[in-house]
């Protein structure tokens, strides 16, 4: 889906917001497809499936929320690549993957605010 998105804490998500990506449970099973308009009932079931963050299409958010989203994405990237050094240069595939994930998750938000 085109457009910007935000990774919001479940408590900040409201009925009527739209998923920007496919929603997967912790085991990788599809819970909801991309583009789903979230309902109160759907949101109530998220904790049962281990979901505490949702990728939703961006509306107007505060600078504080933008900063929190950026920090979340940066921390997630560090966690995902915790067992490798993407800057080492000896593993070009990991370095390339790190760059793509960074540009998708963190870089998009940086360029949106520039």
N, C-alpha and C. Protein backbone atom coordinates (compact mmCIF):
# COMPACT_ATOMS: atom_id res chain seq x y z
N UNK A 1 0.85 -1.16 0.00
CA UNK A 1 0.00 0.00 0.00
C UNK A 1 0.89 1.22 0.00
N UNK A 2 0.57 2.20 -0.80
CA UNK A 2 1.39 3.40 -0.85
C UNK A 2 0.99 4.36 0.25
N UNK A 3 1.84 5.32 0.51
CA UNK A 3 1.57 6.27 1.58
C UNK A 3 2.44 5.97 2.77
N UNK A 4 2.32 6.84 3.75
CA UNK A 4 3.12 6.66 4.95
C UNK A 4 2.33 5.85 5.97
N UNK A 5 3.03 5.33 6.91
CA UNK A 5 2.42 4.50 7.93
C UNK A 5 3.06 4.81 9.27
N UNK A 6 2.42 4.32 10.31
CA UNK A 6 2.97 4.43 11.65
C UNK A 6 2.78 3.09 12.34
N UNK A 7 3.73 2.74 13.15
CA UNK A 7 3.64 1.56 14.00
C UNK A 7 3.15 2.07 15.34
N UNK A 8 1.87 1.83 15.65
CA UNK A 8 1.29 2.37 16.87
C UNK A 8 1.09 1.29 17.92
N UNK A 9 1.23 1.70 19.18
CA UNK A 9 0.89 0.81 20.28
C UNK A 9 -0.60 0.54 20.21
N UNK A 10 -0.99 -0.66 20.58
CA UNK A 10 -2.40 -1.06 20.51
C UNK A 10 -3.31 -0.05 21.22
N UNK A 11 -2.86 0.50 22.34
CA UNK A 11 -3.68 1.45 23.09
C UNK A 11 -3.95 2.73 22.30
N UNK A 12 -3.09 3.04 21.32
CA UNK A 12 -3.25 4.26 20.52
C UNK A 12 -4.04 4.04 19.24
N UNK A 13 -4.35 2.79 18.91
CA UNK A 13 -5.08 2.48 17.69
C UNK A 13 -6.57 2.62 17.95
N UNK A 14 -7.26 3.21 17.00
CA UNK A 14 -8.70 3.43 17.11
C UNK A 14 -9.43 2.71 15.99
N UNK A 15 -10.68 2.34 16.25
CA UNK A 15 -11.53 1.74 15.22
C UNK A 15 -11.62 2.71 14.05
N UNK A 16 -11.57 2.16 12.84
CA UNK A 16 -11.61 2.98 11.64
C UNK A 16 -10.25 3.19 11.01
N UNK A 17 -9.18 2.97 11.76
CA UNK A 17 -7.83 3.06 11.18
C UNK A 17 -7.64 1.89 10.24
N UNK A 18 -6.70 2.05 9.30
CA UNK A 18 -6.49 1.06 8.25
C UNK A 18 -5.09 0.45 8.38
N UNK A 19 -5.00 -0.89 8.32
CA UNK A 19 -3.70 -1.57 8.37
C UNK A 19 -2.89 -1.24 7.12
N UNK A 20 -1.65 -0.86 7.31
CA UNK A 20 -0.78 -0.55 6.18
C UNK A 20 -0.04 -1.77 5.66
N UNK A 21 0.00 -2.84 6.45
CA UNK A 21 0.68 -4.08 6.08
C UNK A 21 -0.17 -5.26 6.54
N UNK A 22 0.20 -6.43 6.04
CA UNK A 22 -0.43 -7.66 6.52
C UNK A 22 -0.10 -7.79 8.00
N UNK A 23 -1.06 -8.19 8.80
CA UNK A 23 -0.83 -8.37 10.23
C UNK A 23 -0.60 -9.85 10.51
N UNK A 24 0.58 -10.15 11.06
CA UNK A 24 0.96 -11.52 11.37
C UNK A 24 1.00 -11.72 12.88
N UNK A 25 0.68 -12.93 13.32
CA UNK A 25 0.82 -13.24 14.74
C UNK A 25 2.28 -13.62 14.99
N UNK A 26 2.68 -13.84 16.25
CA UNK A 26 4.08 -14.17 16.56
C UNK A 26 4.60 -15.44 15.85
N UNK A 27 3.72 -16.33 15.43
CA UNK A 27 4.13 -17.54 14.71
C UNK A 27 4.18 -17.33 13.21
N UNK A 28 3.85 -16.13 12.73
CA UNK A 28 3.91 -15.83 11.31
C UNK A 28 2.63 -16.13 10.54
N UNK A 29 1.56 -16.43 11.24
CA UNK A 29 0.28 -16.69 10.59
C UNK A 29 -0.43 -15.36 10.31
N UNK A 30 -1.06 -15.27 9.16
CA UNK A 30 -1.78 -14.06 8.79
C UNK A 30 -3.04 -13.93 9.64
N UNK A 31 -3.15 -12.80 10.33
CA UNK A 31 -4.35 -12.52 11.11
C UNK A 31 -5.32 -11.65 10.31
N UNK A 32 -4.78 -10.60 9.68
CA UNK A 32 -5.60 -9.69 8.88
C UNK A 32 -4.81 -9.23 7.66
N UNK A 33 -5.49 -9.07 6.52
CA UNK A 33 -4.80 -8.62 5.32
C UNK A 33 -4.52 -7.11 5.35
N UNK A 34 -3.59 -6.70 4.53
CA UNK A 34 -3.28 -5.30 4.35
C UNK A 34 -4.54 -4.57 3.88
N UNK A 35 -4.75 -3.37 4.37
CA UNK A 35 -5.90 -2.58 3.95
C UNK A 35 -7.15 -2.80 4.79
N UNK A 36 -7.08 -3.68 5.78
CA UNK A 36 -8.24 -3.93 6.65
C UNK A 36 -8.57 -2.69 7.46
N UNK A 37 -9.85 -2.32 7.48
CA UNK A 37 -10.32 -1.25 8.35
C UNK A 37 -10.61 -1.89 9.71
N UNK A 38 -9.91 -1.43 10.72
CA UNK A 38 -9.99 -2.05 12.04
C UNK A 38 -11.30 -1.69 12.75
N UNK A 39 -11.84 -2.67 13.45
CA UNK A 39 -13.07 -2.48 14.22
C UNK A 39 -12.76 -2.64 15.70
N UNK A 40 -13.70 -2.25 16.54
CA UNK A 40 -13.55 -2.40 17.99
C UNK A 40 -13.35 -3.87 18.34
N UNK A 41 -14.13 -4.75 17.70
CA UNK A 41 -14.02 -6.18 17.98
C UNK A 41 -12.64 -6.72 17.62
N UNK A 42 -12.11 -6.30 16.48
CA UNK A 42 -10.78 -6.75 16.06
C UNK A 42 -9.73 -6.31 17.08
N UNK A 43 -9.81 -5.04 17.48
CA UNK A 43 -8.83 -4.50 18.43
C UNK A 43 -8.91 -5.22 19.77
N UNK A 44 -10.11 -5.61 20.19
CA UNK A 44 -10.27 -6.30 21.46
C UNK A 44 -9.61 -7.67 21.45
N UNK A 45 -9.48 -8.30 20.27
CA UNK A 45 -8.89 -9.63 20.17
C UNK A 45 -7.37 -9.62 20.00
N UNK A 46 -6.77 -8.48 19.75
CA UNK A 46 -5.33 -8.41 19.50
C UNK A 46 -4.48 -8.96 20.64
N UNK A 47 -4.75 -8.61 21.90
CA UNK A 47 -3.90 -9.14 22.98
C UNK A 47 -3.92 -10.67 23.04
N UNK A 48 -5.04 -11.27 22.72
CA UNK A 48 -5.15 -12.73 22.73
C UNK A 48 -4.17 -13.36 21.73
N UNK A 49 -3.84 -12.63 20.68
CA UNK A 49 -2.93 -13.13 19.65
C UNK A 49 -1.51 -12.60 19.83
N UNK A 50 -1.23 -11.96 20.95
CA UNK A 50 0.12 -11.47 21.22
C UNK A 50 0.48 -10.21 20.46
N UNK A 51 -0.49 -9.46 20.01
CA UNK A 51 -0.24 -8.24 19.24
C UNK A 51 -0.29 -7.05 20.16
N UNK A 52 0.79 -6.25 20.19
CA UNK A 52 0.78 -5.04 21.00
C UNK A 52 1.10 -3.79 20.18
N UNK A 53 1.48 -3.98 18.90
CA UNK A 53 1.75 -2.87 17.99
C UNK A 53 1.07 -3.18 16.66
N UNK A 54 0.57 -2.15 15.99
CA UNK A 54 -0.08 -2.33 14.70
C UNK A 54 0.45 -1.33 13.68
N UNK A 55 0.70 -1.78 12.44
CA UNK A 55 1.10 -0.86 11.38
C UNK A 55 -0.16 -0.27 10.74
N UNK A 56 -0.37 1.02 10.91
CA UNK A 56 -1.56 1.66 10.36
C UNK A 56 -1.16 2.81 9.45
N UNK A 57 -2.04 3.09 8.49
CA UNK A 57 -1.79 4.22 7.61
C UNK A 57 -1.76 5.49 8.43
N UNK A 58 -0.85 6.37 8.06
CA UNK A 58 -0.63 7.58 8.84
C UNK A 58 -1.70 8.62 8.58
N UNK A 59 -2.10 9.24 9.64
CA UNK A 59 -2.92 10.43 9.58
C UNK A 59 -2.06 11.54 10.15
N UNK A 60 -2.67 12.50 10.71
CA UNK A 60 -1.91 13.56 11.37
C UNK A 60 -1.54 13.09 12.76
N UNK A 61 -0.23 13.10 13.05
CA UNK A 61 0.24 12.71 14.37
C UNK A 61 1.10 13.83 14.93
N UNK A 62 1.29 13.78 16.21
CA UNK A 62 2.09 14.80 16.89
C UNK A 62 3.57 14.51 16.68
N UNK A 63 4.41 15.53 16.85
CA UNK A 63 5.86 15.31 16.77
C UNK A 63 6.34 14.29 17.80
N UNK A 64 5.70 14.26 18.97
CA UNK A 64 6.08 13.30 19.99
C UNK A 64 5.80 11.87 19.53
N UNK A 65 4.64 11.66 18.88
CA UNK A 65 4.29 10.34 18.36
C UNK A 65 5.25 9.95 17.24
N UNK A 66 5.60 10.91 16.38
CA UNK A 66 6.56 10.63 15.31
C UNK A 66 7.92 10.21 15.89
N UNK A 67 8.36 10.92 16.93
CA UNK A 67 9.64 10.58 17.56
C UNK A 67 9.57 9.19 18.21
N UNK A 68 8.45 8.88 18.83
CA UNK A 68 8.29 7.56 19.45
C UNK A 68 8.28 6.47 18.39
N UNK A 69 7.63 6.71 17.26
CA UNK A 69 7.62 5.73 16.16
C UNK A 69 9.03 5.51 15.62
N UNK A 70 9.76 6.59 15.44
CA UNK A 70 11.13 6.49 14.93
C UNK A 70 12.00 5.69 15.90
N UNK A 71 11.88 5.99 17.18
CA UNK A 71 12.66 5.26 18.20
C UNK A 71 12.30 3.78 18.21
N UNK A 72 11.02 3.47 18.07
CA UNK A 72 10.59 2.07 18.03
C UNK A 72 11.22 1.35 16.84
N UNK A 73 11.17 1.96 15.67
CA UNK A 73 11.73 1.32 14.48
C UNK A 73 13.25 1.14 14.60
N UNK A 74 13.93 2.14 15.13
CA UNK A 74 15.38 2.03 15.30
C UNK A 74 15.73 0.92 16.29
N UNK A 75 14.98 0.83 17.38
CA UNK A 75 15.24 -0.23 18.38
C UNK A 75 14.95 -1.60 17.79
N UNK A 76 13.90 -1.70 17.00
CA UNK A 76 13.54 -2.98 16.38
C UNK A 76 14.63 -3.42 15.40
N UNK A 77 15.19 -2.48 14.67
CA UNK A 77 16.26 -2.79 13.72
C UNK A 77 17.50 -3.31 14.45
N UNK A 78 17.84 -2.69 15.56
CA UNK A 78 18.97 -3.16 16.37
C UNK A 78 18.70 -4.57 16.86
N UNK A 79 17.48 -4.83 17.30
CA UNK A 79 17.13 -6.16 17.79
C UNK A 79 17.21 -7.20 16.66
N UNK A 80 16.69 -6.86 15.49
CA UNK A 80 16.69 -7.82 14.38
C UNK A 80 18.10 -8.21 13.94
N UNK A 81 19.04 -7.29 14.03
CA UNK A 81 20.40 -7.54 13.56
C UNK A 81 21.39 -7.66 14.72
N UNK A 82 20.89 -8.07 15.89
CA UNK A 82 21.72 -8.13 17.10
C UNK A 82 22.85 -9.14 17.02
N UNK A 83 22.73 -10.17 16.19
CA UNK A 83 23.76 -11.21 16.12
C UNK A 83 24.74 -11.00 14.98
N UNK A 84 24.59 -9.90 14.28
CA UNK A 84 25.48 -9.62 13.16
C UNK A 84 25.96 -8.18 13.23
N UNK A 85 27.02 -7.91 12.53
CA UNK A 85 27.50 -6.54 12.38
C UNK A 85 27.31 -6.16 10.92
N UNK A 86 26.23 -5.44 10.60
CA UNK A 86 25.95 -5.14 9.20
C UNK A 86 26.99 -4.22 8.56
N UNK A 87 27.83 -3.59 9.37
CA UNK A 87 28.86 -2.71 8.83
C UNK A 87 30.21 -3.40 8.68
N UNK A 88 30.29 -4.70 9.01
CA UNK A 88 31.56 -5.41 8.97
C UNK A 88 32.09 -5.55 7.55
N UNK A 89 31.22 -5.66 6.57
CA UNK A 89 31.67 -5.77 5.19
C UNK A 89 31.99 -7.18 4.74
N UNK A 90 32.15 -8.11 5.68
CA UNK A 90 32.48 -9.49 5.30
C UNK A 90 31.23 -10.28 4.92
N UNK A 91 30.07 -9.75 5.23
CA UNK A 91 28.81 -10.41 4.89
C UNK A 91 27.96 -9.42 4.10
N UNK A 92 28.17 -9.35 2.80
CA UNK A 92 27.50 -8.36 1.97
C UNK A 92 25.98 -8.53 1.96
N UNK A 93 25.51 -9.77 2.08
CA UNK A 93 24.06 -10.01 2.04
C UNK A 93 23.39 -9.41 3.28
N UNK A 94 23.99 -9.60 4.44
CA UNK A 94 23.43 -9.03 5.66
C UNK A 94 23.49 -7.52 5.62
N UNK A 95 24.58 -6.98 5.11
CA UNK A 95 24.70 -5.52 5.00
C UNK A 95 23.63 -4.94 4.08
N UNK A 96 23.39 -5.61 2.98
CA UNK A 96 22.37 -5.17 2.04
C UNK A 96 20.97 -5.26 2.65
N UNK A 97 20.71 -6.37 3.31
CA UNK A 97 19.41 -6.55 3.97
C UNK A 97 19.20 -5.49 5.04
N UNK A 98 20.22 -5.23 5.83
CA UNK A 98 20.14 -4.21 6.87
C UNK A 98 19.80 -2.86 6.25
N UNK A 99 20.46 -2.52 5.17
CA UNK A 99 20.20 -1.23 4.52
C UNK A 99 18.77 -1.14 4.01
N UNK A 100 18.28 -2.20 3.38
CA UNK A 100 16.91 -2.20 2.87
C UNK A 100 15.88 -2.09 3.99
N UNK A 101 16.10 -2.85 5.07
CA UNK A 101 15.16 -2.80 6.20
C UNK A 101 15.22 -1.42 6.84
N UNK A 102 16.41 -0.87 7.00
CA UNK A 102 16.55 0.47 7.56
C UNK A 102 15.82 1.49 6.71
N UNK A 103 16.05 1.46 5.41
CA UNK A 103 15.40 2.42 4.52
C UNK A 103 13.89 2.28 4.54
N UNK A 104 13.40 1.05 4.65
CA UNK A 104 11.96 0.83 4.66
C UNK A 104 11.34 1.28 5.97
N UNK A 105 11.93 0.90 7.09
CA UNK A 105 11.32 1.17 8.39
C UNK A 105 11.69 2.53 8.97
N UNK A 106 12.95 2.91 8.89
CA UNK A 106 13.41 4.14 9.53
C UNK A 106 13.59 5.24 8.50
N UNK A 107 14.21 4.91 7.40
CA UNK A 107 14.53 5.92 6.38
C UNK A 107 13.33 6.60 5.80
N UNK A 108 12.24 5.85 5.61
CA UNK A 108 11.03 6.44 5.04
C UNK A 108 10.52 7.56 5.95
N UNK A 109 10.55 7.33 7.25
CA UNK A 109 10.06 8.35 8.17
C UNK A 109 10.99 9.55 8.17
N UNK A 110 12.30 9.32 8.09
CA UNK A 110 13.25 10.45 8.08
C UNK A 110 13.03 11.31 6.85
N UNK A 111 12.84 10.68 5.67
CA UNK A 111 12.66 11.42 4.44
C UNK A 111 11.31 12.12 4.41
N UNK A 112 10.29 11.58 5.09
CA UNK A 112 8.97 12.21 5.12
C UNK A 112 8.99 13.54 5.87
N UNK A 113 9.90 13.64 6.84
CA UNK A 113 9.95 14.85 7.66
C UNK A 113 10.99 15.84 7.16
N UNK A 114 11.72 15.48 6.13
CA UNK A 114 12.76 16.39 5.61
C UNK A 114 12.16 17.43 4.70
